[in-house]
Amino acid sequence: MVLKELTSQLLEKFTTEIKQPENFDKIKLHLLEPMIFYATYKFYPYFLIVVILFMIIVLVSLINFFILIRINLKHKI
């Protein structure tokens, strides 16, 4: 029971300290922004590959669609 109260008080003090603007700015500047930059830097090539593959699939699908329309129009005439 004492451990539960101690943990609760510790978490409460920790959250109040983090909510202070100067501490929050330090956490954002020194922890969050570098992590986001690092993740973006590492995932950028994969994101680029996915975008290129998506564009290729859309292009091939459009070409296929127009070929099917052309074949269908030739058979109706």
N, C-alpha and C. Protein backbone atom coordinates (compact mmCIF):
# COMPACT_ATOMS: atom_id res chain seq x y z
N MET A 1 0.82 -1.19 0.00
CA MET A 1 0.00 0.00 0.00
C MET A 1 0.87 1.26 0.00
N VAL A 2 1.96 1.22 0.73
CA VAL A 2 2.86 2.36 0.80
C VAL A 2 3.52 2.58 -0.57
N LEU A 3 3.86 1.49 -1.23
CA LEU A 3 4.48 1.58 -2.55
C LEU A 3 3.52 2.19 -3.57
N LYS A 4 2.26 1.84 -3.45
CA LYS A 4 1.25 2.38 -4.36
C LYS A 4 1.10 3.89 -4.17
N GLU A 5 1.07 4.35 -2.93
CA GLU A 5 0.97 5.79 -2.65
C GLU A 5 2.23 6.51 -3.12
N LEU A 6 3.39 5.91 -2.88
CA LEU A 6 4.65 6.52 -3.30
C LEU A 6 4.70 6.64 -4.82
N THR A 7 4.28 5.61 -5.51
CA THR A 7 4.28 5.64 -6.98
C THR A 7 3.31 6.68 -7.49
N SER A 8 2.16 6.77 -6.87
CA SER A 8 1.16 7.75 -7.27
C SER A 8 1.69 9.17 -7.08
N GLN A 9 2.30 9.44 -5.96
CA GLN A 9 2.85 10.76 -5.70
C GLN A 9 4.00 11.08 -6.66
N LEU A 10 4.82 10.09 -6.93
CA LEU A 10 5.94 10.29 -7.84
C LEU A 10 5.44 10.61 -9.25
N LEU A 11 4.46 9.89 -9.70
CA LEU A 11 3.89 10.16 -11.02
C LEU A 11 3.22 11.53 -11.08
N GLU A 12 2.55 11.91 -10.03
CA GLU A 12 1.90 13.22 -9.98
C GLU A 12 2.93 14.35 -10.05
N LYS A 13 4.02 14.23 -9.29
CA LYS A 13 5.06 15.25 -9.32
C LYS A 13 5.76 15.27 -10.69
N PHE A 14 5.96 14.10 -11.25
CA PHE A 14 6.60 14.01 -12.56
C PHE A 14 5.76 14.70 -13.63
N THR A 15 4.46 14.45 -13.62
CA THR A 15 3.58 15.07 -14.62
C THR A 15 3.48 16.58 -14.42
N THR A 16 3.47 17.04 -13.19
CA THR A 16 3.41 18.49 -12.97
C THR A 16 4.70 19.16 -13.43
N GLU A 17 5.84 18.50 -13.26
CA GLU A 17 7.11 19.05 -13.72
C GLU A 17 7.17 19.08 -15.25
N ILE A 18 6.67 18.05 -15.88
CA ILE A 18 6.69 18.00 -17.34
C ILE A 18 5.78 19.05 -17.94
N LYS A 19 4.67 19.34 -17.29
CA LYS A 19 3.70 20.29 -17.82
C LYS A 19 4.19 21.74 -17.76
N GLN A 20 5.23 22.01 -17.02
CA GLN A 20 5.77 23.37 -16.97
C GLN A 20 6.36 23.71 -18.34
N PRO A 21 6.11 24.92 -18.82
CA PRO A 21 6.51 25.27 -20.19
C PRO A 21 8.00 25.10 -20.48
N GLU A 22 8.87 25.50 -19.55
CA GLU A 22 10.30 25.40 -19.84
C GLU A 22 10.76 23.94 -19.92
N ASN A 23 10.18 23.08 -19.09
CA ASN A 23 10.53 21.66 -19.14
C ASN A 23 9.96 21.00 -20.40
N PHE A 24 8.74 21.38 -20.74
CA PHE A 24 8.12 20.82 -21.93
C PHE A 24 8.89 21.23 -23.18
N ASP A 25 9.36 22.48 -23.22
CA ASP A 25 10.15 22.94 -24.36
C ASP A 25 11.48 22.18 -24.46
N LYS A 26 12.11 21.91 -23.32
CA LYS A 26 13.35 21.14 -23.33
C LYS A 26 13.11 19.72 -23.84
N ILE A 27 12.04 19.10 -23.39
CA ILE A 27 11.72 17.74 -23.84
C ILE A 27 11.44 17.75 -25.34
N LYS A 28 10.69 18.73 -25.79
CA LYS A 28 10.35 18.80 -27.21
C LYS A 28 11.60 19.04 -28.05
N LEU A 29 12.47 19.93 -27.59
CA LEU A 29 13.66 20.30 -28.36
C LEU A 29 14.71 19.19 -28.36
N HIS A 30 14.94 18.57 -27.22
CA HIS A 30 16.04 17.62 -27.09
C HIS A 30 15.63 16.16 -27.23
N LEU A 31 14.35 15.86 -27.21
CA LEU A 31 13.93 14.46 -27.26
C LEU A 31 13.01 14.19 -28.45
N LEU A 32 11.92 14.92 -28.54
CA LEU A 32 10.92 14.61 -29.56
C LEU A 32 11.37 14.98 -30.97
N GLU A 33 11.88 16.18 -31.16
CA GLU A 33 12.29 16.61 -32.50
C GLU A 33 13.41 15.75 -33.07
N PRO A 34 14.45 15.40 -32.31
CA PRO A 34 15.46 14.51 -32.88
C PRO A 34 14.92 13.11 -33.23
N MET A 35 14.00 12.61 -32.41
CA MET A 35 13.42 11.30 -32.71
C MET A 35 12.60 11.35 -34.00
N ILE A 36 11.82 12.40 -34.17
CA ILE A 36 11.00 12.55 -35.38
C ILE A 36 11.91 12.72 -36.60
N PHE A 37 12.95 13.53 -36.47
CA PHE A 37 13.89 13.73 -37.57
C PHE A 37 14.58 12.43 -37.94
N TYR A 38 15.01 11.67 -36.95
CA TYR A 38 15.69 10.39 -37.20
C TYR A 38 14.75 9.39 -37.88
N ALA A 39 13.52 9.31 -37.39
CA ALA A 39 12.56 8.38 -37.99
C ALA A 39 12.24 8.79 -39.43
N THR A 40 12.07 10.07 -39.67
CA THR A 40 11.80 10.56 -41.02
C THR A 40 12.99 10.28 -41.94
N TYR A 41 14.18 10.50 -41.45
CA TYR A 41 15.39 10.26 -42.23
C TYR A 41 15.54 8.79 -42.60
N LYS A 42 15.21 7.90 -41.66
CA LYS A 42 15.35 6.46 -41.92
C LYS A 42 14.24 5.91 -42.80
N PHE A 43 13.01 6.43 -42.69
CA PHE A 43 11.89 5.91 -43.45
C PHE A 43 11.71 6.57 -44.81
N TYR A 44 12.42 7.63 -45.09
CA TYR A 44 12.24 8.36 -46.34
C TYR A 44 12.47 7.49 -47.58
N PRO A 45 13.53 6.69 -47.65
CA PRO A 45 13.71 5.86 -48.85
C PRO A 45 12.56 4.87 -49.07
N TYR A 46 12.07 4.29 -48.00
CA TYR A 46 10.97 3.33 -48.13
C TYR A 46 9.69 4.04 -48.57
N PHE A 47 9.46 5.21 -48.02
CA PHE A 47 8.29 5.99 -48.42
C PHE A 47 8.37 6.36 -49.89
N LEU A 48 9.55 6.73 -50.34
CA LEU A 48 9.76 7.08 -51.75
C LEU A 48 9.52 5.88 -52.65
N ILE A 49 9.98 4.72 -52.26
CA ILE A 49 9.76 3.50 -53.04
C ILE A 49 8.28 3.18 -53.13
N VAL A 50 7.56 3.31 -52.02
CA VAL A 50 6.12 3.02 -52.02
C VAL A 50 5.39 3.99 -52.94
N VAL A 51 5.74 5.26 -52.91
CA VAL A 51 5.09 6.26 -53.77
C VAL A 51 5.37 5.96 -55.24
N ILE A 52 6.60 5.61 -55.56
CA ILE A 52 6.94 5.30 -56.95
C ILE A 52 6.20 4.05 -57.42
N LEU A 53 6.15 3.03 -56.58
CA LEU A 53 5.41 1.81 -56.95
C LEU A 53 3.92 2.10 -57.13
N PHE A 54 3.36 2.92 -56.28
CA PHE A 54 1.96 3.29 -56.42
C PHE A 54 1.72 4.01 -57.74
N MET A 55 2.60 4.92 -58.10
CA MET A 55 2.45 5.64 -59.36
C MET A 55 2.56 4.68 -60.55
N ILE A 56 3.47 3.73 -60.48
CA ILE A 56 3.60 2.75 -61.56
C ILE A 56 2.34 1.91 -61.68
N ILE A 57 1.79 1.47 -60.56
CA ILE A 57 0.57 0.66 -60.58
C ILE A 57 -0.59 1.45 -61.16
N VAL A 58 -0.72 2.72 -60.78
CA VAL A 58 -1.79 3.55 -61.33
C VAL A 58 -1.61 3.74 -62.83
N LEU A 59 -0.39 3.98 -63.26
CA LEU A 59 -0.12 4.16 -64.69
C LEU A 59 -0.43 2.90 -65.49
N VAL A 60 -0.01 1.76 -65.00
CA VAL A 60 -0.29 0.49 -65.68
C VAL A 60 -1.79 0.22 -65.70
N SER A 61 -2.47 0.53 -64.62
CA SER A 61 -3.93 0.33 -64.58
C SER A 61 -4.64 1.22 -65.60
N LEU A 62 -4.21 2.47 -65.71
CA LEU A 62 -4.82 3.37 -66.70
C LEU A 62 -4.56 2.89 -68.13
N ILE A 63 -3.35 2.45 -68.39
CA ILE A 63 -3.04 1.92 -69.73
C ILE A 63 -3.90 0.70 -70.02
N ASN A 64 -4.02 -0.17 -69.06
CA ASN A 64 -4.86 -1.36 -69.22
C ASN A 64 -6.32 -0.98 -69.46
N PHE A 65 -6.80 0.00 -68.75
CA PHE A 65 -8.19 0.46 -68.91
C PHE A 65 -8.43 0.98 -70.32
N PHE A 66 -7.51 1.81 -70.82
CA PHE A 66 -7.68 2.36 -72.17
C PHE A 66 -7.55 1.29 -73.24
N ILE A 67 -6.69 0.32 -73.04
CA ILE A 67 -6.58 -0.79 -73.99
C ILE A 67 -7.88 -1.59 -74.01
N LEU A 68 -8.46 -1.84 -72.85
CA LEU A 68 -9.73 -2.58 -72.79
C LEU A 68 -10.86 -1.79 -73.45
N ILE A 69 -10.87 -0.50 -73.27
CA ILE A 69 -11.90 0.32 -73.92
C ILE A 69 -11.72 0.27 -75.44
N ARG A 70 -10.50 0.38 -75.91
CA ARG A 70 -10.23 0.33 -77.35
C ARG A 70 -10.65 -1.02 -77.94
N ILE A 71 -10.32 -2.11 -77.26
CA ILE A 71 -10.71 -3.45 -77.74
C ILE A 71 -12.22 -3.59 -77.75
N ASN A 72 -12.87 -3.10 -76.71
CA ASN A 72 -14.32 -3.20 -76.61
C ASN A 72 -15.00 -2.38 -77.71
N LEU A 73 -14.47 -1.21 -78.02
CA LEU A 73 -15.06 -0.38 -79.09
C LEU A 73 -14.86 -1.01 -80.47
N LYS A 74 -13.75 -1.67 -80.69
CA LYS A 74 -13.50 -2.32 -81.97
C LYS A 74 -14.45 -3.50 -82.20
N HIS A 75 -14.78 -4.20 -81.15
CA HIS A 75 -15.67 -5.36 -81.28
C HIS A 75 -17.13 -4.95 -81.48
N LYS A 76 -17.50 -3.78 -81.00
CA LYS A 76 -18.89 -3.32 -81.16
C LYS A 76 -19.15 -2.86 -82.58
N ILE A 77 -18.14 -2.40 -83.26
CA ILE A 77 -18.31 -1.88 -84.64
C ILE A 77 -18.32 -3.00 -85.59
